[in-house]
N, C-alpha and C. Protein backbone atom coordinates (compact mmCIF):
# COMPACT_ATOMS: atom_id res chain seq x y z
N MET A 1 -19.18 62.05 6.63
CA MET A 1 -18.97 61.79 5.21
C MET A 1 -18.46 60.35 5.09
N ASP A 2 -19.10 59.56 4.23
CA ASP A 2 -18.66 58.17 4.06
C ASP A 2 -17.34 58.14 3.28
N THR A 3 -16.68 56.99 3.33
CA THR A 3 -15.34 56.85 2.74
C THR A 3 -15.34 57.08 1.24
N GLU A 4 -16.34 56.56 0.54
CA GLU A 4 -16.39 56.73 -0.91
C GLU A 4 -16.49 58.20 -1.28
N THR A 5 -17.35 58.93 -0.59
CA THR A 5 -17.50 60.37 -0.83
C THR A 5 -16.20 61.10 -0.49
N LYS A 6 -15.55 60.68 0.61
CA LYS A 6 -14.29 61.32 1.02
C LYS A 6 -13.22 61.16 -0.06
N VAL A 7 -13.08 59.96 -0.62
CA VAL A 7 -12.08 59.73 -1.66
C VAL A 7 -12.44 60.50 -2.93
N LYS A 8 -13.71 60.48 -3.33
CA LYS A 8 -14.13 61.20 -4.54
C LYS A 8 -13.86 62.70 -4.38
N THR A 9 -14.17 63.25 -3.21
CA THR A 9 -13.93 64.67 -2.95
C THR A 9 -12.44 64.98 -3.00
N LEU A 10 -11.62 64.10 -2.41
CA LEU A 10 -10.17 64.28 -2.44
C LEU A 10 -9.68 64.34 -3.88
N LEU A 11 -10.16 63.40 -4.72
CA LEU A 11 -9.74 63.36 -6.13
C LEU A 11 -10.24 64.58 -6.90
N ASP A 12 -11.50 64.95 -6.69
CA ASP A 12 -12.06 66.14 -7.36
C ASP A 12 -11.25 67.39 -7.03
N ASN A 13 -10.83 67.51 -5.76
CA ASN A 13 -10.08 68.69 -5.33
C ASN A 13 -8.62 68.66 -5.77
N ALA A 14 -8.08 67.47 -6.04
CA ALA A 14 -6.66 67.34 -6.37
C ALA A 14 -6.35 67.62 -7.83
N THR A 15 -7.32 67.39 -8.71
CA THR A 15 -7.02 67.47 -10.14
C THR A 15 -8.19 68.06 -10.93
N THR A 16 -7.86 68.58 -12.10
CA THR A 16 -8.90 69.05 -13.02
C THR A 16 -9.36 67.94 -13.96
N ILE A 17 -8.69 66.76 -13.89
CA ILE A 17 -9.12 65.63 -14.70
C ILE A 17 -10.46 65.13 -14.15
N LEU A 18 -11.39 64.83 -15.02
CA LEU A 18 -12.73 64.40 -14.65
C LEU A 18 -12.70 63.10 -13.84
N VAL A 19 -13.34 63.08 -12.67
CA VAL A 19 -13.46 61.88 -11.84
C VAL A 19 -14.84 61.31 -12.11
N ILE A 20 -14.88 60.05 -12.59
CA ILE A 20 -16.16 59.42 -12.93
C ILE A 20 -16.32 58.12 -12.15
N GLU A 21 -17.54 57.63 -12.09
CA GLU A 21 -17.84 56.43 -11.31
C GLU A 21 -18.07 55.21 -12.19
N THR A 22 -17.69 55.28 -13.46
CA THR A 22 -17.83 54.15 -14.39
C THR A 22 -16.59 53.27 -14.29
N ALA A 23 -16.78 51.96 -14.21
CA ALA A 23 -15.65 51.03 -14.07
C ALA A 23 -14.77 51.00 -15.31
N LEU A 24 -15.35 50.95 -16.48
CA LEU A 24 -14.59 50.94 -17.73
C LEU A 24 -14.95 52.19 -18.52
N PRO A 25 -14.18 53.25 -18.32
CA PRO A 25 -14.56 54.54 -18.90
C PRO A 25 -14.40 54.60 -20.42
N ASP A 26 -15.14 55.54 -21.02
CA ASP A 26 -14.99 55.82 -22.44
C ASP A 26 -14.69 57.30 -22.67
N ILE A 27 -14.29 57.98 -21.60
CA ILE A 27 -13.91 59.40 -21.65
C ILE A 27 -12.44 59.47 -21.24
N PHE A 28 -11.61 60.14 -22.04
CA PHE A 28 -10.18 60.21 -21.74
C PHE A 28 -9.68 61.63 -21.86
N PRO A 29 -8.87 62.11 -20.93
CA PRO A 29 -8.46 61.44 -19.71
C PRO A 29 -9.57 61.46 -18.67
N CYS A 30 -9.48 60.52 -17.73
CA CYS A 30 -10.42 60.50 -16.61
C CYS A 30 -9.80 59.74 -15.45
N VAL A 31 -10.45 59.83 -14.30
CA VAL A 31 -10.01 59.16 -13.08
C VAL A 31 -11.17 58.32 -12.57
N THR A 32 -10.89 57.08 -12.19
CA THR A 32 -11.86 56.21 -11.52
C THR A 32 -11.20 55.67 -10.26
N PHE A 33 -12.00 55.08 -9.38
CA PHE A 33 -11.43 54.46 -8.17
C PHE A 33 -12.37 53.37 -7.67
N HIS A 34 -11.80 52.44 -6.91
CA HIS A 34 -12.61 51.39 -6.28
C HIS A 34 -11.90 50.87 -5.05
N PHE A 35 -12.69 50.28 -4.14
CA PHE A 35 -12.18 49.70 -2.91
C PHE A 35 -12.14 48.18 -3.04
N TYR A 36 -11.22 47.55 -2.33
CA TYR A 36 -11.13 46.09 -2.30
C TYR A 36 -10.46 45.68 -0.99
N SER A 37 -10.52 44.40 -0.67
CA SER A 37 -9.91 43.84 0.54
C SER A 37 -10.33 44.59 1.81
N GLU A 38 -11.62 44.78 1.97
CA GLU A 38 -12.11 45.45 3.17
C GLU A 38 -12.06 44.47 4.33
N ASP A 39 -11.55 44.94 5.48
CA ASP A 39 -11.43 44.07 6.65
C ASP A 39 -11.39 44.87 7.94
N GLY A 40 -11.48 44.17 9.06
CA GLY A 40 -11.35 44.80 10.37
C GLY A 40 -9.91 44.71 10.83
N THR A 41 -9.43 45.75 11.49
CA THR A 41 -8.05 45.78 11.96
C THR A 41 -8.00 46.25 13.40
N LEU A 42 -6.82 46.19 13.99
CA LEU A 42 -6.59 46.62 15.37
C LEU A 42 -7.58 45.99 16.33
N PHE A 43 -7.48 44.67 16.47
CA PHE A 43 -8.39 43.93 17.34
C PHE A 43 -8.05 44.19 18.80
N GLY A 44 -9.07 44.41 19.60
CA GLY A 44 -8.95 44.55 21.05
C GLY A 44 -10.07 43.77 21.68
N SER A 45 -9.76 42.85 22.56
CA SER A 45 -10.76 41.98 23.20
C SER A 45 -11.56 41.20 22.16
N GLY A 46 -10.93 40.85 21.03
CA GLY A 46 -11.60 40.06 20.01
C GLY A 46 -12.51 40.86 19.09
N THR A 47 -12.50 42.17 19.19
CA THR A 47 -13.38 43.01 18.38
C THR A 47 -12.53 43.98 17.55
N ALA A 48 -12.87 44.09 16.28
CA ALA A 48 -12.16 45.05 15.43
C ALA A 48 -12.52 46.47 15.84
N THR A 49 -11.52 47.30 16.03
CA THR A 49 -11.77 48.69 16.42
C THR A 49 -11.70 49.63 15.23
N GLU A 50 -11.17 49.14 14.11
CA GLU A 50 -11.11 49.94 12.89
C GLU A 50 -11.47 49.08 11.70
N GLU A 51 -12.12 49.67 10.73
CA GLU A 51 -12.40 48.99 9.47
C GLU A 51 -11.49 49.60 8.42
N GLY A 52 -10.73 48.75 7.75
CA GLY A 52 -9.80 49.24 6.74
C GLY A 52 -10.15 48.70 5.37
N ALA A 53 -9.47 49.20 4.38
CA ALA A 53 -9.66 48.74 3.00
C ALA A 53 -8.47 49.18 2.17
N SER A 54 -8.36 48.58 1.01
CA SER A 54 -7.41 49.04 0.02
C SER A 54 -8.20 49.83 -1.02
N CYS A 55 -7.54 50.79 -1.61
CA CYS A 55 -8.19 51.60 -2.64
C CYS A 55 -7.26 51.67 -3.84
N GLN A 56 -7.84 51.62 -5.01
CA GLN A 56 -7.07 51.82 -6.24
C GLN A 56 -7.68 52.98 -6.99
N VAL A 57 -6.85 53.96 -7.31
CA VAL A 57 -7.23 55.10 -8.14
C VAL A 57 -6.63 54.86 -9.51
N ASP A 58 -7.44 54.95 -10.55
CA ASP A 58 -7.00 54.70 -11.92
C ASP A 58 -7.08 55.99 -12.72
N ILE A 59 -5.98 56.33 -13.38
CA ILE A 59 -5.97 57.48 -14.28
C ILE A 59 -5.82 56.92 -15.69
N TRP A 60 -6.82 57.19 -16.54
CA TRP A 60 -6.88 56.66 -17.90
C TRP A 60 -6.61 57.79 -18.88
N TYR A 61 -5.73 57.56 -19.87
CA TYR A 61 -5.44 58.61 -20.85
C TYR A 61 -4.86 58.00 -22.12
N LYS A 62 -5.04 58.72 -23.22
CA LYS A 62 -4.49 58.28 -24.51
C LYS A 62 -3.12 58.89 -24.76
N VAL A 63 -2.91 60.11 -24.26
CA VAL A 63 -1.64 60.81 -24.42
C VAL A 63 -1.29 61.42 -23.07
N LYS A 64 -0.04 61.27 -22.66
CA LYS A 64 0.39 61.82 -21.36
C LYS A 64 0.77 63.29 -21.54
N THR A 65 -0.26 64.12 -21.57
CA THR A 65 -0.09 65.56 -21.72
C THR A 65 0.43 66.15 -20.41
N GLU A 66 0.78 67.41 -20.46
CA GLU A 66 1.25 68.09 -19.25
C GLU A 66 0.15 68.10 -18.18
N ALA A 67 -1.10 68.28 -18.60
CA ALA A 67 -2.23 68.27 -17.65
C ALA A 67 -2.36 66.92 -16.97
N VAL A 68 -2.15 65.84 -17.71
CA VAL A 68 -2.22 64.49 -17.13
C VAL A 68 -1.08 64.29 -16.15
N LYS A 69 0.14 64.70 -16.52
CA LYS A 69 1.29 64.58 -15.62
C LYS A 69 1.04 65.33 -14.32
N ILE A 70 0.54 66.55 -14.43
CA ILE A 70 0.25 67.36 -13.25
C ILE A 70 -0.84 66.70 -12.41
N GLY A 71 -1.87 66.17 -13.07
CA GLY A 71 -2.97 65.51 -12.37
C GLY A 71 -2.51 64.29 -11.59
N ILE A 72 -1.67 63.46 -12.21
CA ILE A 72 -1.16 62.26 -11.54
C ILE A 72 -0.34 62.65 -10.31
N LYS A 73 0.55 63.61 -10.48
CA LYS A 73 1.39 64.07 -9.37
C LYS A 73 0.54 64.66 -8.25
N ALA A 74 -0.48 65.43 -8.59
CA ALA A 74 -1.34 66.06 -7.59
C ALA A 74 -2.16 65.02 -6.82
N ILE A 75 -2.66 64.01 -7.52
CA ILE A 75 -3.43 62.95 -6.85
C ILE A 75 -2.53 62.20 -5.88
N LYS A 76 -1.34 61.83 -6.34
CA LYS A 76 -0.41 61.11 -5.45
C LYS A 76 -0.10 61.95 -4.22
N GLN A 77 0.15 63.23 -4.38
CA GLN A 77 0.47 64.11 -3.25
C GLN A 77 -0.72 64.26 -2.31
N ALA A 78 -1.92 64.34 -2.85
CA ALA A 78 -3.12 64.45 -2.00
C ALA A 78 -3.30 63.20 -1.14
N ILE A 79 -3.00 62.03 -1.71
CA ILE A 79 -3.08 60.79 -0.94
C ILE A 79 -2.02 60.79 0.16
N ILE A 80 -0.81 61.22 -0.16
CA ILE A 80 0.27 61.30 0.83
C ILE A 80 -0.12 62.24 1.97
N ASN A 81 -0.77 63.35 1.65
CA ASN A 81 -1.13 64.35 2.65
C ASN A 81 -2.28 63.91 3.56
N GLU A 82 -3.07 62.94 3.14
CA GLU A 82 -4.23 62.49 3.94
C GLU A 82 -3.73 61.62 5.09
N LYS A 83 -4.06 61.97 6.32
CA LYS A 83 -3.45 61.30 7.47
C LYS A 83 -3.95 59.88 7.71
N TYR A 84 -5.06 59.46 7.15
CA TYR A 84 -5.55 58.10 7.35
C TYR A 84 -5.29 57.19 6.15
N PHE A 85 -4.40 57.60 5.25
CA PHE A 85 -4.06 56.79 4.08
C PHE A 85 -2.59 56.41 4.17
N SER A 86 -2.25 55.19 3.70
CA SER A 86 -0.84 54.78 3.65
C SER A 86 -0.16 55.45 2.45
N HIS A 87 1.17 55.35 2.43
CA HIS A 87 1.92 55.92 1.31
C HIS A 87 1.53 55.15 0.04
N PRO A 88 1.18 55.84 -1.03
CA PRO A 88 0.71 55.17 -2.25
C PRO A 88 1.81 54.49 -3.05
N LYS A 89 1.42 53.43 -3.76
CA LYS A 89 2.29 52.75 -4.72
C LYS A 89 1.70 53.03 -6.10
N MET A 90 2.56 53.33 -7.07
CA MET A 90 2.06 53.73 -8.38
C MET A 90 2.74 52.93 -9.49
N GLU A 91 1.96 52.55 -10.50
CA GLU A 91 2.46 51.87 -11.69
C GLU A 91 1.70 52.38 -12.91
N THR A 92 2.31 52.19 -14.08
CA THR A 92 1.66 52.57 -15.33
C THR A 92 1.76 51.40 -16.30
N THR A 93 0.65 51.14 -16.99
CA THR A 93 0.65 50.12 -18.04
C THR A 93 0.06 50.74 -19.30
N HIS A 94 0.29 50.07 -20.41
CA HIS A 94 -0.30 50.50 -21.68
C HIS A 94 -1.16 49.35 -22.17
N GLU A 95 -2.45 49.59 -22.30
CA GLU A 95 -3.39 48.58 -22.78
C GLU A 95 -3.24 48.52 -24.30
N THR A 96 -2.52 47.53 -24.79
CA THR A 96 -2.18 47.49 -26.21
C THR A 96 -3.39 47.32 -27.12
N ALA A 97 -4.40 46.59 -26.67
CA ALA A 97 -5.58 46.38 -27.51
C ALA A 97 -6.36 47.68 -27.73
N THR A 98 -6.46 48.50 -26.68
CA THR A 98 -7.24 49.74 -26.78
C THR A 98 -6.37 50.98 -26.99
N LYS A 99 -5.06 50.81 -26.86
CA LYS A 99 -4.11 51.92 -26.98
C LYS A 99 -4.37 53.01 -25.94
N ILE A 100 -4.68 52.57 -24.73
CA ILE A 100 -4.96 53.48 -23.62
C ILE A 100 -3.90 53.27 -22.53
N TYR A 101 -3.41 54.37 -21.99
CA TYR A 101 -2.49 54.30 -20.85
C TYR A 101 -3.31 54.25 -19.57
N HIS A 102 -2.76 53.54 -18.60
CA HIS A 102 -3.47 53.33 -17.34
C HIS A 102 -2.45 53.45 -16.21
N THR A 103 -2.49 54.56 -15.50
CA THR A 103 -1.66 54.73 -14.31
C THR A 103 -2.55 54.44 -13.12
N TYR A 104 -2.09 53.55 -12.26
CA TYR A 104 -2.90 53.24 -11.09
C TYR A 104 -2.11 53.42 -9.82
N ILE A 105 -2.81 53.91 -8.80
CA ILE A 105 -2.22 54.22 -7.51
C ILE A 105 -2.98 53.41 -6.46
N ASN A 106 -2.26 52.59 -5.70
CA ASN A 106 -2.86 51.78 -4.65
C ASN A 106 -2.43 52.29 -3.28
N PHE A 107 -3.36 52.27 -2.33
CA PHE A 107 -3.04 52.66 -0.96
C PHE A 107 -4.05 52.02 -0.01
N GLU A 108 -3.67 51.96 1.26
CA GLU A 108 -4.54 51.44 2.32
C GLU A 108 -5.16 52.63 3.03
N LEU A 109 -6.35 52.41 3.59
CA LEU A 109 -7.00 53.49 4.31
C LEU A 109 -7.82 52.94 5.47
N ILE A 110 -8.05 53.78 6.43
CA ILE A 110 -8.95 53.46 7.53
C ILE A 110 -10.31 53.99 7.12
N LYS A 111 -11.30 53.09 7.04
CA LYS A 111 -12.66 53.49 6.65
C LYS A 111 -13.42 54.05 7.83
N GLU A 112 -13.38 53.31 8.96
CA GLU A 112 -14.10 53.74 10.15
C GLU A 112 -13.29 53.37 11.36
N SER A 113 -13.39 54.16 12.41
CA SER A 113 -12.65 53.88 13.64
C SER A 113 -13.56 54.11 14.84
N GLU A 114 -13.46 53.20 15.81
CA GLU A 114 -14.22 53.36 17.05
C GLU A 114 -13.33 53.84 18.17
N VAL A 115 -12.06 54.13 17.87
CA VAL A 115 -11.10 54.54 18.90
C VAL A 115 -11.28 56.00 19.21
């Protein structure tokens, strides 16, 4: 299973909030995610033995209902429970122009390993 599918499956299983693949969603609440800063790590003999990346999971909502609170907590816990992910960092902002809340969770992950 590739890394993108693994993360999407993890999110789908963690929450009842809809996980979509659109960068700027128009459905609320919803969850999106993307990878960035992909690189090779754990060099041995000049060769990367693991490929890593950072991942950001975004939870978008207009009102922080009980279902949204539960979903955010469940996603964070699912990331913590995954053995190849770092401990997540979480922040929330309010997009004043659109009046949308945006909670985002960042973490590091191992994409592939040759070890």
